[in-house]
Protein backbone atom coordinates (compact mmCIF):
# COMPACT_ATOMS: atom_id res chain seq x y z
CA UNK A 1 -5.43 -20.17 -3.28
CA UNK A 2 -3.32 -17.29 -1.70
CA UNK A 3 -0.52 -17.49 -3.60
CA UNK A 4 0.68 -14.07 -1.32
CA UNK A 5 0.85 -16.29 1.85
CA UNK A 6 2.75 -18.96 0.06
CA UNK A 7 5.83 -17.07 -1.36
CA UNK A 8 7.63 -18.00 2.19
CA UNK A 9 5.98 -20.73 3.53
CA UNK A 10 8.33 -23.52 1.02
CA UNK A 11 11.49 -23.97 -0.77
CA UNK A 12 11.76 -21.59 -3.95
CA UNK A 13 13.86 -24.87 -5.55
CA UNK A 14 12.17 -28.16 -5.42
CA UNK A 15 10.53 -28.21 -8.58
CA UNK A 16 9.88 -31.40 -8.58
CA UNK A 17 7.52 -31.32 -5.86
CA UNK A 18 5.57 -27.97 -5.97
CA UNK A 19 2.54 -29.18 -6.35
CA UNK A 20 2.06 -31.08 -3.26
CA UNK A 21 3.76 -28.81 -1.26
CA UNK A 22 1.66 -26.41 -2.29
CA UNK A 23 -1.63 -28.24 -1.60
CA UNK A 24 -0.33 -29.62 1.48
CA UNK A 25 1.60 -25.49 3.21
CA UNK A 26 -1.76 -24.29 2.13
CA UNK A 27 -3.63 -25.94 4.19
CA UNK A 28 -0.79 -26.51 6.79
CA UNK A 29 -0.54 -22.37 7.01
CA UNK A 30 -4.83 -21.94 6.65
CA UNK A 31 -6.13 -24.74 9.02
CA UNK A 32 -5.34 -23.56 12.10
CA UNK A 33 -5.64 -19.36 10.38
CA UNK A 34 -9.20 -18.07 12.56
CA UNK A 35 -9.74 -15.74 9.76
CA UNK A 36 -9.74 -18.78 7.15
CA UNK A 37 -10.94 -18.03 3.98
CA UNK A 38 -13.73 -20.53 2.34
CA UNK A 39 -16.43 -19.65 -0.57
CA UNK A 40 -17.36 -23.67 0.28
CA UNK A 41 -19.17 -24.29 3.43
CA UNK A 42 -17.39 -28.84 3.33
CA UNK A 43 -15.69 -29.03 6.25
CA UNK A 44 -12.66 -30.32 4.08
CA UNK A 45 -13.21 -30.91 0.49
CA UNK A 46 -10.42 -33.39 0.06
CA UNK A 47 -12.29 -35.34 2.66
CA UNK A 48 -15.83 -35.20 1.93
CA UNK A 49 -14.78 -35.90 -1.49
CA UNK A 50 -12.91 -38.96 -0.08
CA UNK A 51 -16.15 -39.65 1.52
CA UNK A 52 -18.26 -40.45 -1.01
CA UNK A 53 -16.13 -43.48 -1.50
CA UNK A 54 -15.57 -44.98 2.08
CA UNK A 55 -16.73 -48.10 2.20
CA UNK A 56 -16.80 -49.67 5.90
CA UNK A 57 -16.67 -53.40 5.76
CA UNK A 58 -18.14 -55.47 9.21
CA UNK A 59 -15.44 -58.73 8.25
CA UNK A 60 -13.77 -58.69 5.49
CA UNK A 61 -9.95 -56.42 5.30
CA UNK A 62 -7.52 -55.82 2.11
CA UNK A 63 -4.23 -55.52 3.28
CA UNK A 64 -0.34 -55.65 1.67
CA UNK A 65 1.65 -58.22 2.75
CA UNK A 66 5.32 -56.57 4.29
CA UNK A 67 6.85 -59.23 3.36
CA UNK A 68 7.25 -57.79 0.36
CA UNK A 69 10.57 -56.05 -1.02
CA UNK A 70 10.94 -52.82 -0.70
CA UNK A 71 14.10 -50.94 -0.77
CA UNK A 72 14.18 -47.02 -0.31
CA UNK A 73 17.41 -45.95 -2.86
CA UNK A 74 19.53 -42.20 -2.80
CA UNK A 75 21.60 -41.16 -5.48
CA UNK A 76 23.76 -37.64 -5.88
CA UNK A 77 22.18 -36.10 -8.85
CA UNK A 78 24.87 -33.21 -8.64
CA UNK A 79 25.91 -30.63 -5.95
CA UNK A 80 23.00 -29.18 -4.80
CA UNK A 81 20.59 -32.11 -5.59
CA UNK A 82 19.93 -35.94 -5.31
CA UNK A 83 17.26 -38.18 -6.32
CA UNK A 84 15.54 -40.87 -4.43
CA UNK A 85 13.16 -42.89 -4.97
CA UNK A 86 11.97 -46.72 -4.19
CA UNK A 87 12.50 -50.82 -5.93
CA UNK A 88 10.43 -53.72 -5.79
CA UNK A 89 11.16 -56.95 -6.19
CA UNK A 90 7.67 -58.19 -6.67
CA UNK A 91 5.19 -56.17 -9.18
CA UNK A 92 2.64 -54.05 -7.08
CA UNK A 93 -1.17 -54.86 -7.99
CA UNK A 94 -3.35 -52.49 -6.08
CA UNK A 95 -6.84 -53.12 -5.13
CA UNK A 96 -10.07 -51.50 -5.27
CA UNK A 97 -10.06 -50.12 -1.50
CA UNK A 98 -7.64 -50.11 0.70
CA UNK A 99 -7.64 -48.56 4.46
CA UNK A 100 -7.39 -45.54 5.21
CA UNK A 101 -4.63 -44.97 7.95
CA UNK A 102 -4.76 -42.19 11.10
CA UNK A 103 -1.49 -41.10 12.40
CA UNK A 104 0.89 -40.49 16.00
CA UNK A 105 4.09 -40.55 17.60
CA UNK A 106 4.81 -41.36 21.12
CA UNK A 107 7.15 -37.67 20.43
CA UNK A 108 5.99 -34.64 20.00
CA UNK A 109 8.53 -31.36 19.97
CA UNK A 110 7.99 -29.58 23.28
CA UNK A 111 4.59 -27.51 22.44
CA UNK A 112 4.01 -29.11 19.81
CA UNK A 113 0.18 -30.36 19.54
CA UNK A 114 -2.23 -32.10 17.07
CA UNK A 115 -4.87 -30.37 14.59
CA UNK A 116 -8.68 -31.82 14.96
CA UNK A 117 -7.50 -32.81 11.25
CA UNK A 118 -4.87 -35.67 12.24
CA UNK A 119 -2.36 -35.13 10.37
CA UNK A 120 -0.67 -31.45 11.62
CA UNK A 121 1.12 -29.52 13.69
CA UNK A 122 1.20 -26.87 14.66
CA UNK A 123 2.77 -24.79 17.78
CA UNK A 124 -0.21 -25.04 20.79
CA UNK A 125 1.22 -20.77 21.78
CA UNK A 126 2.06 -19.32 17.72
CA UNK A 127 -0.09 -21.88 15.56
CA UNK A 128 0.38 -19.86 12.28
CA UNK A 129 4.06 -20.80 12.26
CA UNK A 130 5.06 -23.59 10.12
CA UNK A 131 4.85 -26.87 11.77
CA UNK A 132 4.66 -30.12 10.63
CA UNK A 133 2.64 -31.87 7.82
CA UNK A 134 2.17 -35.27 7.10
CA UNK A 135 1.04 -36.86 3.72
CA UNK A 136 0.37 -40.49 2.49
CA UNK A 137 1.48 -41.42 -0.82
CA UNK A 138 0.06 -44.48 -2.13
CA UNK A 139 3.07 -46.72 -3.67
CA UNK A 140 1.57 -47.65 -7.07
CA UNK A 141 4.07 -49.86 -10.33
CA UNK A 142 4.06 -46.82 -12.18
CA UNK A 143 6.31 -44.95 -9.71
CA UNK A 144 8.76 -48.14 -8.38
CA UNK A 145 12.60 -47.31 -9.67
CA UNK A 146 11.43 -44.17 -11.17
CA UNK A 147 13.77 -40.90 -9.55
CA UNK A 148 12.51 -37.76 -7.25
CA UNK A 149 15.00 -35.48 -8.40
CA UNK A 150 15.01 -32.96 -5.31
CA UNK A 151 16.74 -29.95 -6.36
CA UNK A 152 17.99 -26.79 -3.89
CA UNK A 153 19.42 -29.49 -1.42
CA UNK A 154 22.21 -28.02 1.24
CA UNK A 155 21.70 -31.62 3.28
CA UNK A 156 20.38 -34.73 3.01
CA UNK A 157 20.89 -37.70 5.36
CA UNK A 158 19.34 -41.39 4.40
CA UNK A 159 18.87 -43.57 7.94
CA UNK A 160 16.16 -45.87 9.63
CA UNK A 161 14.14 -44.31 11.31
CA UNK A 162 12.34 -47.17 13.84
CA UNK A 163 10.06 -48.87 11.40
CA UNK A 164 10.65 -47.86 8.81
CA UNK A 165 13.59 -47.11 6.36
CA UNK A 166 14.20 -43.41 5.56
CA UNK A 167 15.63 -40.27 3.87
CA UNK A 168 15.67 -36.48 5.70
CA UNK A 169 16.96 -33.61 3.40
CA UNK A 170 17.34 -29.93 3.78
CA UNK A 171 16.19 -27.35 1.27
CA UNK A 172 18.33 -24.03 1.04
CA UNK A 173 16.56 -21.18 2.99
CA UNK A 174 17.57 -17.58 2.03
CA UNK A 175 15.10 -15.97 4.52
CA UNK A 176 13.71 -17.09 7.65
CA UNK A 177 9.72 -16.96 8.42
CA UNK A 178 7.76 -20.07 8.61
CA UNK A 179 9.25 -21.89 6.20
CA UNK A 180 8.91 -25.94 5.21
CA UNK A 181 12.60 -25.95 4.67
CA UNK A 182 13.20 -29.41 5.99
CA UNK A 183 11.63 -32.89 4.99
CA UNK A 184 11.45 -36.44 5.83
CA UNK A 185 10.71 -39.24 3.11
CA UNK A 186 9.24 -42.49 5.46
CA UNK A 187 8.88 -45.49 3.74
CA UNK A 188 5.57 -47.71 4.81
CA UNK A 189 5.17 -51.13 2.88
CA UNK A 190 3.03 -53.01 5.50
CA UNK A 191 0.48 -49.69 4.47
CA UNK A 192 1.87 -50.17 1.11
CA UNK A 193 2.43 -46.18 1.21
CA UNK A 194 5.20 -43.16 1.34
CA UNK A 195 4.44 -40.90 4.41
CA UNK A 196 5.81 -37.57 3.94
CA UNK A 197 7.15 -35.46 6.55
CA UNK A 198 7.01 -31.81 6.51
CA UNK A 199 8.53 -30.43 8.44
CA UNK A 200 9.17 -26.47 8.76
CA UNK A 201 12.28 -24.68 10.52
CA UNK A 202 11.01 -23.59 13.23
CA UNK A 203 12.02 -27.33 14.56
CA UNK A 204 15.40 -29.04 15.18
CA UNK A 205 17.00 -31.53 12.98
CA UNK A 206 16.57 -33.91 16.32
CA UNK A 207 13.25 -33.16 17.28
CA UNK A 208 12.24 -34.21 13.92
CA UNK A 209 14.24 -36.47 13.86
CA UNK A 210 12.81 -38.30 17.11
CA UNK A 211 9.25 -37.55 16.06
CA UNK A 212 9.58 -40.04 13.44
CA UNK A 213 11.84 -42.59 15.10
CA UNK A 214 7.81 -42.48 17.87
CA UNK A 215 5.91 -42.27 14.73
CA UNK A 216 3.26 -44.44 14.74
CA UNK A 217 0.42 -45.79 12.11
CA UNK A 218 -2.43 -47.48 12.29
CA UNK A 219 -5.34 -48.49 9.91
CA UNK A 220 -8.95 -47.79 10.30
CA UNK A 221 -12.06 -49.06 9.98
CA UNK A 222 -12.72 -46.72 6.90
CA UNK A 223 -11.96 -47.70 3.71
CA UNK A 224 -11.32 -45.73 0.72
CA UNK A 225 -11.11 -46.86 -3.14
CA UNK A 226 -7.61 -46.75 -4.65
CA UNK A 227 -8.25 -44.73 -7.84
CA UNK A 228 -9.48 -42.06 -5.35
CA UNK A 229 -5.72 -41.33 -3.95
CA UNK A 230 -2.70 -39.76 -4.48
CA UNK A 231 0.18 -41.66 -5.85
CA UNK A 232 4.05 -42.17 -5.55
CA UNK A 233 4.32 -42.25 -9.04
CA UNK A 234 2.23 -38.74 -9.78
CA UNK A 235 4.47 -37.23 -6.46
CA UNK A 236 7.63 -38.01 -8.79
CA UNK A 237 5.74 -36.68 -12.10
CA UNK A 238 3.54 -34.47 -11.66
CA UNK A 239 0.75 -33.33 -14.10
CA UNK A 240 1.40 -29.38 -14.97
CA UNK A 241 -1.85 -28.80 -15.96
CA UNK A 242 -2.49 -25.72 -18.37
CA UNK A 243 -3.15 -22.19 -16.62
CA UNK A 244 -6.39 -20.95 -18.12
CA UNK A 245 -6.72 -18.36 -16.01
CA UNK A 246 -7.37 -14.60 -18.12
CA UNK A 247 -4.69 -12.24 -16.54
CA UNK A 248 -6.39 -9.54 -18.93
CA UNK A 249 -9.94 -8.27 -19.72
CA UNK A 250 -12.70 -5.77 -19.58
CA UNK A 251 -13.47 -4.81 -16.08
CA UNK A 252 -16.69 -2.72 -15.02
CA UNK A 253 -15.48 -0.47 -12.83
CA UNK A 254 -17.68 0.81 -9.80
CA UNK A 255 -17.30 3.69 -7.08
CA UNK A 256 -17.09 4.45 -3.95
CA UNK A 257 -20.41 5.20 -2.71
CA UNK A 258 -22.63 2.08 -5.04
CA UNK A 259 -25.08 -0.25 -3.92
CA UNK A 260 -23.38 -3.26 -6.13
CA UNK A 261 -26.15 -6.97 -5.78
CA UNK A 262 -23.81 -9.33 -5.52
CA UNK A 263 -25.39 -12.46 -7.62
CA UNK A 264 -25.50 -16.21 -6.19
CA UNK A 265 -24.27 -15.23 -2.25
CA UNK A 266 -24.06 -18.86 -0.94
CA UNK A 267 -26.38 -18.21 2.58
CA UNK A 268 -28.56 -20.78 4.44
CA UNK A 269 -32.29 -19.81 4.88
CA UNK A 270 -34.54 -20.41 7.81
CA UNK A 271 -34.75 -23.82 7.38
CA UNK A 272 -31.22 -25.31 7.09
CA UNK A 273 -30.76 -25.24 3.50
CA UNK A 274 -27.81 -23.88 1.56
CA UNK A 275 -28.96 -21.23 -0.62
CA UNK A 276 -27.44 -19.15 -3.34
CA UNK A 277 -29.04 -15.82 -2.92
CA UNK A 278 -29.60 -13.09 -5.96
CA UNK A 279 -30.51 -10.67 -3.15
CA UNK A 280 -27.72 -9.06 -1.22
CA UNK A 281 -25.47 -6.39 -1.77
CA UNK A 282 -22.77 -4.33 -0.55
CA UNK A 283 -21.23 -0.63 -0.46
CA UNK A 284 -17.92 0.41 -0.46
CA UNK A 285 -18.57 3.36 2.70
CA UNK A 286 -15.03 4.92 2.82
CA UNK A 287 -10.67 3.99 2.45
CA UNK A 288 -8.57 4.35 4.59
CA UNK A 289 -4.69 3.67 4.62
CA UNK A 290 -2.74 3.71 8.04
CA UNK A 291 0.67 3.28 9.08
CA UNK A 292 -0.73 1.30 12.55
CA UNK A 293 -4.37 -0.66 13.44
CA UNK A 294 -5.84 2.18 15.67
CA UNK A 295 -8.85 1.26 13.55
CA UNK A 296 -8.78 -1.76 14.01
CA UNK A 297 -10.34 -4.33 16.86
CA UNK A 298 -7.08 -5.92 18.51
CA UNK A 299 -9.28 -9.30 19.13
CA UNK A 300 -9.60 -9.92 15.22
CA UNK A 301 -6.15 -8.79 14.37
CA UNK A 302 -4.78 -12.21 12.12
CA UNK A 303 -2.03 -13.96 14.93
CA UNK A 304 0.98 -13.26 11.68
CA UNK A 305 0.16 -9.45 12.25
CA UNK A 306 2.14 -9.29 16.39
CA UNK A 307 5.35 -9.71 13.86
CA UNK A 308 4.76 -6.26 12.19
CA UNK A 309 4.35 -3.54 14.02
CA UNK A 310 7.95 -1.82 15.55
CA UNK A 311 8.58 -0.52 18.86
CA UNK A 312 6.39 2.58 18.53
CA UNK A 313 3.44 0.84 16.94
CA UNK A 314 3.87 1.59 14.15
CA UNK A 315 3.78 -1.10 10.46
CA UNK A 316 7.93 -1.75 10.07
CA UNK A 317 9.61 -1.55 6.23
CA UNK A 318 9.49 -5.16 4.88
CA UNK A 319 12.47 -5.95 3.19
CA UNK A 320 12.82 -7.05 -0.48
CA UNK A 321 14.96 -9.36 -1.51
CA UNK A 322 15.54 -10.05 -5.15
CA UNK A 323 17.32 -13.73 -6.13
CA UNK A 324 18.65 -15.25 -9.52
CA UNK A 325 17.24 -18.13 -9.50
CA UNK A 326 19.84 -21.64 -9.49
CA UNK A 327 19.37 -24.36 -11.20
CA UNK A 328 18.79 -26.37 -8.34
CA UNK A 329 21.64 -28.48 -9.46
CA UNK A 330 24.71 -27.22 -9.71
CA UNK A 331 23.80 -23.61 -8.10
CA UNK A 332 21.79 -22.10 -5.64
CA UNK A 333 19.69 -18.91 -5.89
CA UNK A 334 20.98 -16.24 -4.97
CA UNK A 335 20.43 -12.76 -3.80
CA UNK A 336 21.62 -9.78 -6.25
CA UNK A 337 20.34 -7.33 -4.62
CA UNK A 338 18.50 -6.31 -1.60
CA UNK A 339 16.31 -2.88 -0.54
CA UNK A 340 13.55 -2.06 2.10
CA UNK A 341 9.57 -0.70 1.23
CA UNK A 342 6.69 0.55 3.81
CA UNK A 343 4.26 -0.33 4.77
CA UNK A 344 0.29 -0.20 4.27
CA UNK A 345 -2.99 -0.61 6.09
CA UNK A 346 -5.66 -0.41 3.63
CA UNK A 347 -8.52 -0.56 5.74
CA UNK A 348 -12.24 -1.05 3.63
CA UNK A 349 -15.37 -0.06 5.67
CA UNK A 350 -18.44 -2.01 3.84
CA UNK A 351 -22.28 -2.37 4.38
CA UNK A 352 -23.47 -6.17 3.35
CA UNK A 353 -27.87 -5.60 3.21
CA UNK A 354 -30.42 -8.30 3.14
CA UNK A 355 -32.48 -7.13 -0.31
CA UNK A 356 -34.90 -9.87 -0.06
CA UNK A 357 -38.30 -10.26 1.72
CA UNK A 358 -37.37 -13.64 4.19
CA UNK A 359 -34.13 -14.38 6.61
CA UNK A 360 -30.82 -15.10 5.41
CA UNK A 361 -28.06 -17.02 7.71
CA UNK A 362 -24.05 -17.37 8.29
CA UNK A 363 -24.05 -15.51 4.29
CA UNK A 364 -20.40 -16.45 2.88
CA UNK A 365 -18.74 -12.37 2.00
CA UNK A 366 -15.59 -12.54 0.48
CA UNK A 367 -13.26 -9.03 -0.03
CA UNK A 368 -10.23 -9.19 -2.34
CA UNK A 369 -7.72 -6.58 -3.66
CA UNK A 370 -6.04 -7.42 -7.00
CA UNK A 371 -3.61 -5.52 -8.54
CA UNK A 372 -4.27 -4.16 -11.95
CA UNK A 373 -3.46 -1.92 -14.71
CA UNK A 374 -5.30 0.02 -17.36
CA UNK A 375 -4.30 -0.55 -21.57
CA UNK A 376 -4.53 2.00 -23.95
CA UNK A 377 -6.73 -0.24 -26.01
CA UNK A 378 -8.92 -0.26 -22.56
CA UNK A 379 -8.66 -3.39 -21.21
CA UNK A 380 -6.98 -4.63 -17.86
CA UNK A 381 -4.21 -6.26 -17.05
CA UNK A 382 -3.65 -8.15 -13.99
CA UNK A 383 -0.14 -6.27 -12.79
CA UNK A 384 3.16 -6.69 -10.49
CA UNK A 385 4.69 -3.29 -9.56
CA UNK A 386 8.09 -5.55 -8.89
CA UNK A 387 8.26 -6.06 -12.89
CA UNK A 388 9.36 -2.63 -13.28
CA UNK A 389 11.91 -2.10 -10.88
CA UNK A 390 14.60 -0.44 -12.55
CA UNK A 391 17.25 0.28 -9.38
CA UNK A 392 18.86 -3.04 -10.22
CA UNK A 393 22.76 -3.55 -11.19
CA UNK A 394 21.79 -7.40 -12.12
CA UNK A 395 18.87 -9.03 -13.64
CA UNK A 396 16.60 -11.33 -10.75
CA UNK A 397 13.72 -13.91 -11.22
CA UNK A 398 11.79 -13.67 -7.97
CA UNK A 399 11.56 -11.89 -4.80
CA UNK A 400 11.05 -13.00 -1.06
CA UNK A 401 9.96 -10.60 1.38
CA UNK A 402 10.78 -11.12 5.70
CA UNK A 403 7.42 -8.84 6.02
CA UNK A 404 3.72 -9.66 5.78
CA UNK A 405 2.61 -7.19 2.95
CA UNK A 406 0.53 -9.32 0.66
CA UNK A 407 -2.81 -8.65 -1.79
CA UNK A 408 -5.61 -11.48 -2.51
CA UNK A 409 -8.12 -12.59 0.36
CA UNK A 410 -8.91 -9.65 3.33
CA UNK A 411 -7.08 -10.66 6.05
CA UNK A 412 -8.80 -9.03 8.77
CA UNK A 413 -12.06 -9.03 9.08
CA UNK A 414 -14.70 -7.56 12.20
CA UNK A 415 -17.81 -10.39 11.23
CA UNK A 416 -16.53 -12.91 12.24
CA UNK A 417 -19.19 -16.39 12.62
CA UNK A 418 -18.91 -19.77 14.29
CA UNK A 419 -19.57 -21.42 10.55
CA UNK A 420 -18.05 -23.64 8.73
CA UNK A 421 -14.21 -23.92 8.51
CA UNK A 422 -14.31 -20.09 7.87
CA UNK A 423 -15.50 -17.09 9.66
CA UNK A 424 -15.72 -15.35 6.86
CA UNK A 425 -19.42 -15.07 7.29
CA UNK A 426 -22.41 -13.11 8.34
CA UNK A 427 -24.23 -14.84 11.17
CA UNK A 428 -28.44 -13.48 9.84
CA UNK A 429 -29.60 -10.43 8.27
CA UNK A 430 -33.43 -10.10 8.74
CA UNK A 431 -35.73 -8.57 5.55
CA UNK A 432 -34.03 -5.27 4.83
CA UNK A 433 -31.88 -5.46 7.69
CA UNK A 434 -28.09 -4.22 6.97
CA UNK A 435 -24.16 -4.54 9.00
CA UNK A 436 -20.94 -2.62 8.53
CA UNK A 437 -17.83 -5.00 8.35
CA UNK A 438 -14.29 -3.80 8.08
CA UNK A 439 -12.46 -5.56 5.87
CA UNK A 440 -7.75 -4.73 5.45
CA UNK A 441 -4.69 -5.90 4.69
CA UNK A 442 -0.70 -5.23 4.92
CA UNK A 443 0.13 -3.96 1.54
CA UNK A 444 3.80 -2.81 0.39
CA UNK A 445 2.97 1.47 -0.52
CA UNK A 446 4.52 1.00 -4.15
CA UNK A 447 1.90 -0.89 -4.52
CA UNK A 448 -1.45 1.60 -3.55
CA UNK A 449 -1.48 2.88 -6.65
CA UNK A 450 -2.66 -0.17 -8.62
CA UNK A 451 -4.96 -1.28 -5.77
CA UNK A 452 -8.69 -3.19 -6.85
CA UNK A 453 -11.48 -4.52 -4.38
CA UNK A 454 -13.41 -7.26 -5.66
CA UNK A 455 -16.47 -7.93 -3.11
CA UNK A 456 -17.33 -11.63 -5.57
CA UNK A 457 -15.56 -13.55 -4.93
CA UNK A 458 -12.88 -13.47 -7.56
CA UNK A 459 -8.99 -13.52 -8.25
CA UNK A 460 -6.12 -12.00 -7.19
CA UNK A 461 -4.13 -13.84 -10.74
CA UNK A 462 -7.25 -13.52 -13.24
CA UNK A 463 -9.48 -11.60 -14.62
CA UNK A 464 -12.81 -13.45 -14.88
CA UNK A 465 -16.59 -12.92 -15.23
CA UNK A 466 -17.12 -10.96 -12.24
CA UNK A 467 -15.04 -8.60 -12.72
CA UNK A 468 -16.46 -7.90 -16.41
CA UNK A 469 -20.32 -7.98 -15.02
CA UNK A 470 -20.06 -7.23 -11.28
CA UNK A 471 -17.08 -4.87 -11.27
CA UNK A 472 -14.45 -4.29 -9.37
CA UNK A 473 -13.54 -0.83 -7.18
CA UNK A 474 -10.33 1.32 -8.09
CA UNK A 475 -9.17 2.23 -4.20
CA UNK A 476 -5.54 2.86 -4.62
CA UNK A 477 -5.88 6.55 -4.97
CA UNK A 478 -3.78 8.23 -3.54
CA UNK A 479 -5.54 11.59 -2.29
CA UNK A 480 -6.46 8.93 0.58
CA UNK A 481 -4.96 10.45 3.32
CA UNK A 482 -2.34 8.39 5.86
CA UNK A 483 -3.16 7.57 9.65
């Protein structure tokens, strides 16, 4: 997951639902991005997994009687926190399968359209901005009478949204910019679900209410196993997964100009079969550090980069907010300092070659930037330049930025293939054929000295087998001339 891109896309404070927010905001941000990078060829991994469990019945249905007595409750939990939950007078006994549902609404905020998936709305002319994402949660017995603790709340309201009882909450938003800082919960007992609307800051409360009041939920002919659905109890008490990622370790260092053979490259053969090829190589030809987009093709620029340039066509500075975290209950996050940081465009020219004796199609490729620091023992560690900021007079817990700088997956790439759900594919390469691909990122200037490039589908947050076997390339040489 590209976590750098999520830094401003959901509130920092509602800790109890970070897991769901990360999942849904990631889909919302990337599903409409021309350069959404996915290693998998699946149209939608979650839907493919669910489809394996789908059974369609021609003559039988499974529904829940809407006569069950459910009640949505809300209670105070502190100055900036509320608790909400669901009560039921009857014990919930789930069947093995339940009908799938789909969403529509008789009112859409001005300029918004449904995405192909049918559970998201985006601004037609600005699809990279935050919109509305809809998620349904299966009501289960474990979640009944359990409190969902909302923190960092600046406004909340329990009300009726025409067909369903609901709850509106607005979270603290310290920095404007594509943030999902509103949420509406709808209790939908006839569908045995709680429906959650994640709402962007660009949408007014009035429009959000109108959308919810005019929303329609209909059952489809498809049935899914209830064990495969995310439940209200899991949402209220998400499991904490152990972090098994290695943040330090051995790395095989490569050089600019060196030919690197990439193992297990995803591709398609001439018969249409998916293959994992060990015969695709890549070479980094050149690295340039620039102040504008002069070296890039305007047709491939990400939508979110449009706001990165000033009136003279050069990169704006990035405003960094240093924030002391509140407990979200009786205190909220506080900005303790801020500073401006120059942004730079990192442009990397690469050449991919098919070294096999067969034609390969839809070749998946990926460039990824990470920040590393070499330890005295020769091992490397994931490095955060901002951990060592000494200019501040007060302690801080995290940093928010209003620029577009980020590491991780390439934001710009010059080879686009209309295949699967991402643009990071090479249409085809004949035996021995090569293609030159330009990749680009916008980064903060202080990150340049620690930049490394991973071309083998690694991670910006861990050091793994790919780093030790295939290797990374140091591209942060300060001798690279700025344009």
